[in-house]
Amino acid sequence: MENIIGKQFMEMTKYKYLEPSLQSQGAPWPELKSPLPEGAEVIDLPAGKSLKLDKLDFINLVEKRETFRSYTDENLTLQELAYLLWGTQGVKSILTEKPVTKRTVPSAGSRHAFETYMLINRVEGLKPGLYRYLALDHQLARLPAPQDIWEVLTEACQKQAHVKKSAVTFFWVAVQQRMTWRYCQRGYRYMYLDAGHVGQNLYLLAEAIGCGVCAIAAYDDDLVNAALSVDGVEQFAIYIATLGKRPK
């Protein structure tokens, strides 16, 4: 029985088992964004590319990249957060006739199945709490959340303390129909590949502003999904990363 689920997943997502896609059956294109819950507060962000940085040596940036779990108490600026969000899910253009987005990260078939949620602890000008990035409009939405959301999400992430101590913890939620509409069950493979693209961009962007990142795959799916108010089937947490200023 060892590894039978993983082996079944790899076997049953081969092309020979794929059913006709919703796209091939003429189903409507999935929406590019998920609706906001009642009571969400929308906040404008500065332009993602407006952050002024010293000239960067890309090879040095790649070489310096490493995982950090300990962060200082220093705040991120709102402009730094905007830069990180634009660089991981920013929309460069929208082909409205399809509709399809072209973004700052690769995605299979430009499906871009993710919504970016954040547990924000220390960002100048923002109240701590649970937020979502509205990529199409480059805005933030502050979401309704319980007062103990920090404790809930830390517990859900196997009690990893850096979730509660980070400046921001990113939670990428996959909206599976955006991908499976075209690629059927094989689309689940592609969503995990896409998550890696997003995570690597975050690591490199963070290095450029003196931050560290720790990507997290060890979490209780059901607890995280419940805390983010997603159903765990049509939408589910696929990747998590903490971020904060590195010690000097």
C-alpha atoms as a PDB file:
ATOM      1  CA  MET A   1       0.000   0.000   0.000  1.00  0.00           C
ATOM      2  CA  GLU A   2       3.021   2.300   0.354  1.00  0.00           C
ATOM      3  CA  ASN A   3       2.738   5.419  -1.843  1.00  0.00           C
ATOM      4  CA  ILE A   4      -0.333   4.008  -3.623  1.00  0.00           C
ATOM      5  CA  ILE A   5      -2.174   7.357  -3.597  1.00  0.00           C
ATOM      6  CA  GLY A   6       0.734   9.214  -5.170  1.00  0.00           C
ATOM      7  CA  LYS A   7       1.185   6.502  -7.775  1.00  0.00           C
ATOM      8  CA  GLN A   8      -2.521   6.560  -8.590  1.00  0.00           C
ATOM      9  CA  PHE A   9      -2.417  10.337  -8.964  1.00  0.00           C
ATOM     10  CA  MET A  10       0.493  10.180 -11.403  1.00  0.00           C
ATOM     11  CA  GLU A  11      -1.147   7.378 -13.372  1.00  0.00           C
ATOM     12  CA  MET A  12      -4.661   8.800 -13.560  1.00  0.00           C
ATOM     13  CA  THR A  13      -3.470  12.251 -14.627  1.00  0.00           C
ATOM     14  CA  LYS A  14      -1.765  10.873 -17.732  1.00  0.00           C
ATOM     15  CA  TYR A  15      -3.142  12.080 -21.052  1.00  0.00           C
ATOM     16  CA  LYS A  16      -4.600   8.699 -21.938  1.00  0.00           C
ATOM     17  CA  TYR A  17      -7.115   8.990 -19.100  1.00  0.00           C
ATOM     18  CA  LEU A  18      -8.237  12.579 -19.707  1.00  0.00           C
ATOM     19  CA  GLU A  19     -11.924  13.186 -20.271  1.00  0.00           C
ATOM     20  CA  PRO A  20     -13.203  15.825 -22.725  1.00  0.00           C
ATOM     21  CA  SER A  21     -12.518  19.223 -21.169  1.00  0.00           C
ATOM     22  CA  LEU A  22     -15.182  21.757 -20.296  1.00  0.00           C
ATOM     23  CA  GLN A  23     -13.509  24.060 -22.793  1.00  0.00           C
ATOM     24  CA  SER A  24     -13.913  21.504 -25.600  1.00  0.00           C
ATOM     25  CA  GLN A  25     -17.580  21.131 -24.660  1.00  0.00           C
ATOM     26  CA  GLY A  26     -18.203  24.838 -25.082  1.00  0.00           C
ATOM     27  CA  ALA A  27     -18.554  25.708 -21.391  1.00  0.00           C
ATOM     28  CA  PRO A  28     -18.127  29.416 -20.561  1.00  0.00           C
ATOM     29  CA  TRP A  29     -14.657  30.695 -19.668  1.00  0.00           C
ATOM     30  CA  PRO A  30     -14.135  30.741 -15.884  1.00  0.00           C
ATOM     31  CA  GLU A  31     -14.192  34.115 -14.149  1.00  0.00           C
ATOM     32  CA  LEU A  32     -10.798  35.755 -13.710  1.00  0.00           C
ATOM     33  CA  LYS A  33     -11.411  36.629 -10.068  1.00  0.00           C
ATOM     34  CA  SER A  34     -13.373  35.269  -7.146  1.00  0.00           C
ATOM     35  CA  PRO A  35     -16.134  37.372  -5.576  1.00  0.00           C
ATOM     36  CA  LEU A  36     -15.426  39.213  -2.356  1.00  0.00           C
ATOM     37  CA  PRO A  37     -17.308  38.381   0.834  1.00  0.00           C
ATOM     38  CA  GLU A  38     -19.733  40.911   2.262  1.00  0.00           C
ATOM     39  CA  GLY A  39     -17.976  43.408   4.519  1.00  0.00           C
ATOM     40  CA  ALA A  40     -14.612  43.339   2.720  1.00  0.00           C
ATOM     41  CA  GLU A  41     -12.802  46.705   2.701  1.00  0.00           C
ATOM     42  CA  VAL A  42     -11.016  47.542  -0.576  1.00  0.00           C
ATOM     43  CA  ILE A  43      -7.728  49.472  -0.360  1.00  0.00           C
ATOM     44  CA  ASP A  44      -5.729  50.995  -3.216  1.00  0.00           C
ATOM     45  CA  LEU A  45      -2.077  50.023  -3.614  1.00  0.00           C
ATOM     46  CA  PRO A  46       0.828  52.031  -5.018  1.00  0.00           C
ATOM     47  CA  ALA A  47       2.100  50.865  -8.399  1.00  0.00           C
ATOM     48  CA  GLY A  48       4.001  47.605  -8.071  1.00  0.00           C
ATOM     49  CA  LYS A  49       6.900  48.793 -10.241  1.00  0.00           C
ATOM     50  CA  SER A  50       7.260  52.163  -8.497  1.00  0.00           C
ATOM     51  CA  LEU A  51       9.598  50.923  -5.749  1.00  0.00           C
ATOM     52  CA  LYS A  52      13.046  52.446  -6.248  1.00  0.00           C
ATOM     53  CA  LEU A  53      15.793  49.864  -5.882  1.00  0.00           C
ATOM     54  CA  ASP A  54      19.540  49.964  -6.252  1.00  0.00           C
ATOM     55  CA  LYS A  55      20.858  48.292  -9.389  1.00  0.00           C
ATOM     56  CA  LEU A  56      20.731  44.542  -8.792  1.00  0.00           C
ATOM     57  CA  ASP A  57      23.120  41.808  -9.846  1.00  0.00           C
ATOM     58  CA  PHE A  58      20.734  38.986 -10.738  1.00  0.00           C
ATOM     59  CA  ILE A  59      23.287  36.181 -10.336  1.00  0.00           C
ATOM     60  CA  ASN A  60      24.205  37.514  -6.895  1.00  0.00           C
ATOM     61  CA  LEU A  61      20.506  37.649  -6.016  1.00  0.00           C
ATOM     62  CA  VAL A  62      20.040  34.000  -7.002  1.00  0.00           C
ATOM     63  CA  GLU A  63      23.154  32.962  -5.096  1.00  0.00           C
ATOM     64  CA  LYS A  64      22.089  34.801  -1.925  1.00  0.00           C
ATOM     65  CA  ARG A  65      18.605  33.292  -1.888  1.00  0.00           C
ATOM     66  CA  GLU A  66      18.011  31.053   1.105  1.00  0.00           C
ATOM     67  CA  THR A  67      15.211  30.196   3.491  1.00  0.00           C
ATOM     68  CA  PHE A  68      14.745  32.312   6.626  1.00  0.00           C
ATOM     69  CA  ARG A  69      12.391  31.598   9.522  1.00  0.00           C
ATOM     70  CA  SER A  70      13.505  34.397  11.871  1.00  0.00           C
ATOM     71  CA  TYR A  71      12.586  37.984  11.079  1.00  0.00           C
ATOM     72  CA  THR A  72      13.103  41.359  12.724  1.00  0.00           C
ATOM     73  CA  ASP A  73      10.223  43.459  14.066  1.00  0.00           C
ATOM     74  CA  GLU A  74      10.690  45.967  11.233  1.00  0.00           C
ATOM     75  CA  ASN A  75       7.590  46.854   9.199  1.00  0.00           C
ATOM     76  CA  LEU A  76       7.244  46.464   5.472  1.00  0.00           C
ATOM     77  CA  THR A  77       6.134  49.584   3.667  1.00  0.00           C
ATOM     78  CA  LEU A  78       2.922  49.484   1.670  1.00  0.00           C
ATOM     79  CA  GLN A  79       4.991  50.072  -1.440  1.00  0.00           C
ATOM     80  CA  GLU A  80       7.160  47.036  -0.656  1.00  0.00           C
ATOM     81  CA  LEU A  81       4.055  44.906  -0.257  1.00  0.00           C
ATOM     82  CA  ALA A  82       2.699  46.206  -3.573  1.00  0.00           C
ATOM     83  CA  TYR A  83       6.014  45.311  -5.214  1.00  0.00           C
ATOM     84  CA  LEU A  84       5.883  41.758  -3.835  1.00  0.00           C
ATOM     85  CA  LEU A  85       2.283  41.252  -4.908  1.00  0.00           C
ATOM     86  CA  TRP A  86       2.816  42.653  -8.392  1.00  0.00           C
ATOM     87  CA  GLY A  87       5.943  40.516  -8.833  1.00  0.00           C
ATOM     88  CA  THR A  88       4.197  37.293  -7.825  1.00  0.00           C
ATOM     89  CA  GLN A  89       0.728  37.696  -9.381  1.00  0.00           C
ATOM     90  CA  GLY A  90       0.704  41.102 -11.098  1.00  0.00           C
ATOM     91  CA  VAL A  91      -1.399  41.461 -14.240  1.00  0.00           C
ATOM     92  CA  LYS A  92       0.516  42.846 -17.217  1.00  0.00           C
ATOM     93  CA  SER A  93      -2.383  42.706 -19.671  1.00  0.00           C
ATOM     94  CA  ILE A  94      -5.875  41.249 -20.113  1.00  0.00           C
ATOM     95  CA  LEU A  95      -7.104  39.688 -23.336  1.00  0.00           C
ATOM     96  CA  THR A  96     -10.744  40.531 -22.793  1.00  0.00           C
ATOM     97  CA  GLU A  97     -12.138  38.553 -25.707  1.00  0.00           C
ATOM     98  CA  LYS A  98     -11.218  35.204 -24.060  1.00  0.00           C
ATOM     99  CA  PRO A  99     -10.701  36.371 -21.187  1.00  0.00           C
ATOM    100  CA  VAL A 100      -7.060  35.629 -20.277  1.00  0.00           C
ATOM    101  CA  THR A 101      -4.493  37.463 -18.153  1.00  0.00           C
ATOM    102  CA  LYS A 102      -0.775  37.788 -18.819  1.00  0.00           C
ATOM    103  CA  ARG A 103       1.049  38.042 -15.512  1.00  0.00           C
ATOM    104  CA  THR A 104       4.522  38.346 -14.020  1.00  0.00           C
ATOM    105  CA  VAL A 105       4.781  34.571 -13.491  1.00  0.00           C
ATOM    106  CA  PRO A 106       4.290  31.661 -15.906  1.00  0.00           C
ATOM    107  CA  SER A 107       1.085  29.625 -15.803  1.00  0.00           C
ATOM    108  CA  ALA A 108      -0.048  26.662 -17.888  1.00  0.00           C
ATOM    109  CA  GLY A 109      -2.119  28.056 -20.746  1.00  0.00           C
ATOM    110  CA  SER A 110      -2.194  31.437 -18.964  1.00  0.00           C
ATOM    111  CA  ARG A 111      -4.880  29.988 -16.712  1.00  0.00           C
ATOM    112  CA  HIS A 112      -3.532  31.696 -13.534  1.00  0.00           C
ATOM    113  CA  ALA A 113      -5.659  29.737 -11.110  1.00  0.00           C
ATOM    114  CA  PHE A 114      -4.526  31.450  -7.888  1.00  0.00           C
ATOM    115  CA  GLU A 115      -5.933  33.964  -5.445  1.00  0.00           C
ATOM    116  CA  THR A 116      -3.396  35.466  -3.008  1.00  0.00           C
ATOM    117  CA  TYR A 117      -4.479  35.679   0.636  1.00  0.00           C
ATOM    118  CA  MET A 118      -2.289  37.271   3.293  1.00  0.00           C
ATOM    119  CA  LEU A 119      -2.052  37.271   7.058  1.00  0.00           C
ATOM    120  CA  ILE A 120      -0.645  40.754   7.575  1.00  0.00           C
ATOM    121  CA  ASN A 121       1.130  41.529  10.837  1.00  0.00           C
ATOM    122  CA  ARG A 122       3.457  44.455  10.126  1.00  0.00           C
ATOM    123  CA  VAL A 123       2.828  46.616   7.067  1.00  0.00           C
ATOM    124  CA  GLU A 124       2.825  50.394   7.438  1.00  0.00           C
ATOM    125  CA  GLY A 125      -0.618  51.896   6.973  1.00  0.00           C
ATOM    126  CA  LEU A 126      -2.501  48.592   7.214  1.00  0.00           C
ATOM    127  CA  LYS A 127      -4.356  47.156  10.168  1.00  0.00           C
ATOM    128  CA  PRO A 128      -3.182  43.661  11.016  1.00  0.00           C
ATOM    129  CA  GLY A 129      -5.553  41.010   9.732  1.00  0.00           C
ATOM    130  CA  LEU A 130      -6.537  38.800   6.823  1.00  0.00           C
ATOM    131  CA  TYR A 131      -6.349  40.263   3.309  1.00  0.00           C
ATOM    132  CA  ARG A 132      -6.685  39.235  -0.337  1.00  0.00           C
ATOM    133  CA  TYR A 133      -4.888  40.672  -3.348  1.00  0.00           C
ATOM    134  CA  LEU A 134      -7.219  41.814  -6.134  1.00  0.00           C
ATOM    135  CA  ALA A 135      -4.771  41.273  -8.970  1.00  0.00           C
ATOM    136  CA  LEU A 136      -6.950  42.601 -11.813  1.00  0.00           C
ATOM    137  CA  ASP A 137      -7.285  45.976 -10.092  1.00  0.00           C
ATOM    138  CA  HIS A 138      -4.003  45.912  -8.128  1.00  0.00           C
ATOM    139  CA  GLN A 139      -5.858  46.484  -4.869  1.00  0.00           C
ATOM    140  CA  LEU A 140      -6.111  44.868  -1.458  1.00  0.00           C
ATOM    141  CA  ALA A 141      -9.254  43.691   0.254  1.00  0.00           C
ATOM    142  CA  ARG A 142      -9.348  43.405   4.050  1.00  0.00           C
ATOM    143  CA  LEU A 143     -11.481  40.358   4.803  1.00  0.00           C
ATOM    144  CA  PRO A 144     -13.713  39.604   7.769  1.00  0.00           C
ATOM    145  CA  ALA A 145     -11.829  37.322  10.148  1.00  0.00           C
ATOM    146  CA  PRO A 146     -11.978  36.241  13.794  1.00  0.00           C
ATOM    147  CA  GLN A 147      -9.817  38.075  16.316  1.00  0.00           C
ATOM    148  CA  ASP A 148      -7.696  34.979  16.879  1.00  0.00           C
ATOM    149  CA  ILE A 149      -6.922  34.450  13.171  1.00  0.00           C
ATOM    150  CA  TRP A 150      -3.170  34.542  13.962  1.00  0.00           C
ATOM    151  CA  GLU A 151      -3.516  31.690  16.429  1.00  0.00           C
ATOM    152  CA  VAL A 152      -5.785  29.722  14.104  1.00  0.00           C
ATOM    153  CA  LEU A 153      -3.449  29.944  11.111  1.00  0.00           C
ATOM    154  CA  THR A 154      -0.325  29.283  13.185  1.00  0.00           C
ATOM    155  CA  GLU A 155      -1.973  26.163  14.596  1.00  0.00           C
ATOM    156  CA  ALA A 156      -3.031  25.128  11.085  1.00  0.00           C
ATOM    157  CA  CYS A 157       0.582  25.452   9.904  1.00  0.00           C
ATOM    158  CA  GLN A 158       1.796  22.805  12.338  1.00  0.00           C
ATOM    159  CA  LYS A 159       2.422  25.458  15.014  1.00  0.00           C
ATOM    160  CA  GLN A 160       5.286  27.024  13.064  1.00  0.00           C
ATOM    161  CA  ALA A 161       5.959  30.214  15.033  1.00  0.00           C
ATOM    162  CA  HIS A 162       7.240  32.217  12.061  1.00  0.00           C
ATOM    163  CA  VAL A 163       3.650  32.386  10.715  1.00  0.00           C
ATOM    164  CA  LYS A 164       2.632  34.568  13.643  1.00  0.00           C
ATOM    165  CA  LYS A 165       5.950  36.452  13.779  1.00  0.00           C
ATOM    166  CA  SER A 166       6.296  37.262  10.061  1.00  0.00           C
ATOM    167  CA  ALA A 167       5.554  40.665   8.596  1.00  0.00           C
ATOM    168  CA  VAL A 168       3.299  38.911   6.067  1.00  0.00           C
ATOM    169  CA  THR A 169       2.352  35.290   5.481  1.00  0.00           C
ATOM    170  CA  PHE A 170       1.147  34.526   1.962  1.00  0.00           C
ATOM    171  CA  PHE A 171      -1.488  31.860   1.299  1.00  0.00           C
ATOM    172  CA  TRP A 172      -2.028  30.982  -2.357  1.00  0.00           C
ATOM    173  CA  VAL A 173      -5.446  29.479  -2.994  1.00  0.00           C
ATOM    174  CA  ALA A 174      -6.070  27.477  -6.173  1.00  0.00           C
ATOM    175  CA  VAL A 175      -9.411  27.976  -7.925  1.00  0.00           C
ATOM    176  CA  GLN A 176      -9.333  24.591  -9.585  1.00  0.00           C
ATOM    177  CA  GLN A 177     -11.933  25.207 -12.290  1.00  0.00           C
ATOM    178  CA  ARG A 178      -9.794  27.915 -13.883  1.00  0.00           C
ATOM    179  CA  MET A 179      -7.226  25.214 -14.658  1.00  0.00           C
ATOM    180  CA  THR A 180      -9.322  22.042 -15.028  1.00  0.00           C
ATOM    181  CA  TRP A 181     -11.735  23.820 -17.411  1.00  0.00           C
ATOM    182  CA  ARG A 182      -9.011  23.363 -20.017  1.00  0.00           C
ATOM    183  CA  TYR A 183      -6.803  20.540 -18.699  1.00  0.00           C
ATOM    184  CA  CYS A 184      -9.227  18.287 -16.779  1.00  0.00           C
ATOM    185  CA  GLN A 185      -7.603  16.220 -14.013  1.00  0.00           C
ATOM    186  CA  ARG A 186      -4.113  16.860 -15.413  1.00  0.00           C
ATOM    187  CA  GLY A 187      -4.635  20.476 -14.418  1.00  0.00           C
ATOM    188  CA  TYR A 188      -3.941  19.538 -10.797  1.00  0.00           C
ATOM    189  CA  ARG A 189      -0.335  18.804 -11.799  1.00  0.00           C
ATOM    190  CA  TYR A 190      -0.100  22.203 -13.455  1.00  0.00           C
ATOM    191  CA  MET A 191      -1.418  24.081 -10.430  1.00  0.00           C
ATOM    192  CA  TYR A 192       1.380  22.688  -8.282  1.00  0.00           C
ATOM    193  CA  LEU A 193       3.952  23.579 -10.931  1.00  0.00           C
ATOM    194  CA  ASP A 194       2.533  27.107 -11.094  1.00  0.00           C
ATOM    195  CA  ALA A 195       2.785  27.426  -7.315  1.00  0.00           C
ATOM    196  CA  GLY A 196       6.525  26.802  -7.577  1.00  0.00           C
ATOM    197  CA  HIS A 197       6.887  29.652 -10.082  1.00  0.00           C
ATOM    198  CA  VAL A 198       5.124  32.024  -7.697  1.00  0.00           C
ATOM    199  CA  GLY A 199       7.176  30.942  -4.698  1.00  0.00           C
ATOM    200  CA  GLN A 200      10.492  31.384  -6.490  1.00  0.00           C
ATOM    201  CA  ASN A 201       9.523  34.871  -7.609  1.00  0.00           C
ATOM    202  CA  LEU A 202       8.699  35.754  -4.005  1.00  0.00           C
ATOM    203  CA  TYR A 203      12.086  34.513  -2.800  1.00  0.00           C
ATOM    204  CA  LEU A 204      14.000  36.606  -5.348  1.00  0.00           C
ATOM    205  CA  LEU A 205      11.862  39.723  -4.916  1.00  0.00           C
ATOM    206  CA  ALA A 206      12.286  39.457  -1.155  1.00  0.00           C
ATOM    207  CA  GLU A 207      16.079  39.267  -1.444  1.00  0.00           C
ATOM    208  CA  ALA A 208      16.041  42.541  -3.375  1.00  0.00           C
ATOM    209  CA  ILE A 209      14.424  44.407  -0.436  1.00  0.00           C
ATOM    210  CA  GLY A 210      16.324  42.796   2.435  1.00  0.00           C
ATOM    211  CA  CYS A 211      13.652  40.258   3.334  1.00  0.00           C
ATOM    212  CA  GLY A 212      13.729  36.545   3.966  1.00  0.00           C
ATOM    213  CA  VAL A 213      11.140  33.929   3.033  1.00  0.00           C
ATOM    214  CA  CYS A 214      10.206  30.471   4.234  1.00  0.00           C
ATOM    215  CA  ALA A 215       7.952  28.459   1.935  1.00  0.00           C
ATOM    216  CA  ILE A 216       5.631  26.072   3.780  1.00  0.00           C
ATOM    217  CA  ALA A 217       4.070  22.840   2.585  1.00  0.00           C
ATOM    218  CA  ALA A 218       3.526  21.385   6.081  1.00  0.00           C
ATOM    219  CA  TYR A 219       0.017  22.509   7.008  1.00  0.00           C
ATOM    220  CA  ASP A 220      -3.361  21.038   7.869  1.00  0.00           C
ATOM    221  CA  ASP A 221      -5.335  21.507   4.654  1.00  0.00           C
ATOM    222  CA  ASP A 222      -8.735  21.455   6.322  1.00  0.00           C
ATOM    223  CA  LEU A 223      -7.805  23.969   9.023  1.00  0.00           C
ATOM    224  CA  VAL A 224      -6.160  26.391   6.585  1.00  0.00           C
ATOM    225  CA  ASN A 225      -9.043  26.200   4.112  1.00  0.00           C
ATOM    226  CA  ALA A 226     -11.586  26.793   6.870  1.00  0.00           C
ATOM    227  CA  ALA A 227      -9.645  29.791   8.202  1.00  0.00           C
ATOM    228  CA  LEU A 228      -9.540  31.293   4.692  1.00  0.00           C
ATOM    229  CA  SER A 229     -13.263  30.528   4.156  1.00  0.00           C
ATOM    230  CA  VAL A 230     -12.666  28.357   1.078  1.00  0.00           C
ATOM    231  CA  ASP A 231     -14.321  24.982   0.608  1.00  0.00           C
ATOM    232  CA  GLY A 232     -11.223  22.838   0.112  1.00  0.00           C
ATOM    233  CA  VAL A 233     -12.589  21.298  -3.103  1.00  0.00           C
ATOM    234  CA  GLU A 234     -13.388  23.998  -5.654  1.00  0.00           C
ATOM    235  CA  GLN A 235     -10.884  26.286  -3.945  1.00  0.00           C
ATOM    236  CA  PHE A 236      -8.052  25.139  -1.692  1.00  0.00           C
ATOM    237  CA  ALA A 237      -4.768  26.366  -0.210  1.00  0.00           C
ATOM    238  CA  ILE A 238      -1.908  25.089  -2.362  1.00  0.00           C
ATOM    239  CA  TYR A 239       1.208  26.852  -0.987  1.00  0.00           C
ATOM    240  CA  ILE A 240       2.160  29.120   1.914  1.00  0.00           C
ATOM    241  CA  ALA A 241       5.157  31.376   2.600  1.00  0.00           C
ATOM    242  CA  THR A 242       6.178  33.602   5.489  1.00  0.00           C
ATOM    243  CA  LEU A 243       8.152  36.799   4.855  1.00  0.00           C
ATOM    244  CA  GLY A 244       9.845  39.443   6.931  1.00  0.00           C
ATOM    245  CA  LYS A 245      12.881  41.683   7.153  1.00  0.00           C
ATOM    246  CA  ARG A 246      16.135  39.795   7.518  1.00  0.00           C
ATOM    247  CA  PRO A 247      18.453  40.492  10.452  1.00  0.00           C
ATOM    248  CA  LYS A 248      21.200  42.895   9.409  1.00  0.00           C
END
